[in-house]
């Protein structure tokens, strides 16, 4: 059980950190898009 718990912990951490990272990437892409339009 300890091995499974150790394997699931990093996945939970990645899932918890994924949404803010994706949002940041979207914001950066939007800024690049707007910069190219101007």
N, C-alpha and C. Protein backbone atom coordinates (compact mmCIF):
# COMPACT_ATOMS: atom_id res chain seq x y z
N UNK A 1 0.84 -1.22 0.00
CA UNK A 1 0.00 0.00 0.00
C UNK A 1 0.86 1.26 0.00
N UNK A 2 2.00 1.19 0.72
CA UNK A 2 2.88 2.36 0.77
C UNK A 2 3.42 2.72 -0.61
N UNK A 3 3.74 1.68 -1.39
CA UNK A 3 4.27 1.92 -2.73
C UNK A 3 3.21 2.59 -3.60
N UNK A 4 1.97 2.10 -3.51
CA UNK A 4 0.88 2.70 -4.29
C UNK A 4 0.65 4.13 -3.84
N UNK A 5 0.68 4.37 -2.54
CA UNK A 5 0.49 5.72 -2.02
C UNK A 5 1.58 6.65 -2.52
N UNK A 6 2.82 6.17 -2.54
CA UNK A 6 3.93 7.00 -3.01
C UNK A 6 3.78 7.28 -4.50
N UNK A 7 3.20 6.33 -5.24
CA UNK A 7 3.02 6.51 -6.68
C UNK A 7 1.88 7.46 -6.99
N UNK A 8 0.85 7.47 -6.12
CA UNK A 8 -0.32 8.32 -6.38
C UNK A 8 -0.06 9.76 -5.94
N UNK A 9 0.76 9.96 -4.92
CA UNK A 9 1.01 11.31 -4.41
C UNK A 9 1.53 12.26 -5.49
N UNK A 10 2.57 11.89 -6.25
CA UNK A 10 3.09 12.79 -7.31
C UNK A 10 2.02 13.07 -8.36
N UNK A 11 1.20 12.06 -8.68
CA UNK A 11 0.15 12.28 -9.68
C UNK A 11 -0.84 13.32 -9.18
N UNK A 12 -1.23 13.21 -7.90
CA UNK A 12 -2.17 14.18 -7.33
C UNK A 12 -1.56 15.58 -7.36
N UNK A 13 -0.27 15.66 -7.06
CA UNK A 13 0.40 16.96 -7.07
C UNK A 13 0.41 17.55 -8.48
N UNK A 14 0.69 16.70 -9.47
CA UNK A 14 0.71 17.18 -10.86
C UNK A 14 -0.69 17.63 -11.29
N UNK A 15 -1.71 16.86 -10.91
CA UNK A 15 -3.09 17.22 -11.26
C UNK A 15 -3.47 18.53 -10.59
N UNK A 16 -3.01 18.74 -9.37
CA UNK A 16 -3.33 19.96 -8.64
C UNK A 16 -2.64 21.17 -9.26
N UNK A 17 -1.43 20.95 -9.81
CA UNK A 17 -0.66 22.07 -10.38
C UNK A 17 -0.99 22.30 -11.86
N UNK A 18 -1.59 21.32 -12.52
CA UNK A 18 -1.85 21.42 -13.96
C UNK A 18 -2.76 22.60 -14.34
N UNK A 19 -3.92 22.79 -13.70
CA UNK A 19 -4.82 23.87 -14.13
C UNK A 19 -4.19 25.25 -14.13
N UNK A 20 -3.51 25.69 -13.06
CA UNK A 20 -2.88 27.03 -13.08
C UNK A 20 -1.82 27.15 -14.17
N UNK A 21 -1.08 26.08 -14.40
CA UNK A 21 -0.04 26.11 -15.44
C UNK A 21 -0.68 26.27 -16.81
N UNK A 22 -1.76 25.53 -17.06
CA UNK A 22 -2.46 25.63 -18.35
C UNK A 22 -3.03 27.02 -18.53
N UNK A 23 -3.59 27.59 -17.46
CA UNK A 23 -4.15 28.94 -17.55
C UNK A 23 -3.05 29.94 -17.87
N UNK A 24 -1.89 29.79 -17.25
CA UNK A 24 -0.77 30.70 -17.50
C UNK A 24 -0.33 30.59 -18.96
N UNK A 25 -0.27 29.37 -19.49
CA UNK A 25 0.13 29.18 -20.89
C UNK A 25 -0.87 29.84 -21.82
N UNK A 26 -2.16 29.71 -21.51
CA UNK A 26 -3.20 30.32 -22.35
C UNK A 26 -3.05 31.84 -22.34
N UNK A 27 -2.80 32.42 -21.18
CA UNK A 27 -2.64 33.87 -21.07
C UNK A 27 -1.44 34.32 -21.90
N UNK A 28 -0.33 33.59 -21.80
CA UNK A 28 0.88 33.94 -22.56
C UNK A 28 0.61 33.86 -24.06
N UNK A 29 -0.09 32.80 -24.50
CA UNK A 29 -0.41 32.65 -25.92
C UNK A 29 -1.30 33.79 -26.39
N UNK A 30 -2.27 34.18 -25.57
CA UNK A 30 -3.16 35.28 -25.94
C UNK A 30 -2.37 36.58 -26.08
N UNK A 31 -1.44 36.81 -25.17
CA UNK A 31 -0.63 38.04 -25.22
C UNK A 31 0.23 38.05 -26.49
N UNK A 32 0.79 36.90 -26.85
CA UNK A 32 1.60 36.81 -28.08
C UNK A 32 0.72 37.08 -29.29
N UNK A 33 -0.49 36.52 -29.28
CA UNK A 33 -1.43 36.73 -30.39
C UNK A 33 -1.74 38.22 -30.56
N UNK A 34 -2.05 38.87 -29.42
CA UNK A 34 -2.39 40.29 -29.47
C UNK A 34 -1.20 41.12 -29.92
N UNK A 35 -0.01 40.72 -29.49
CA UNK A 35 1.20 41.46 -29.88
C UNK A 35 1.42 41.34 -31.39
N UNK A 36 1.14 40.17 -31.95
CA UNK A 36 1.32 39.98 -33.40
C UNK A 36 0.28 40.78 -34.17
N UNK A 37 -0.93 40.89 -33.65
CA UNK A 37 -1.99 41.64 -34.33
C UNK A 37 -1.63 43.12 -34.40
N UNK A 38 -1.06 43.66 -33.33
CA UNK A 38 -0.64 45.06 -33.32
C UNK A 38 0.68 45.16 -34.06
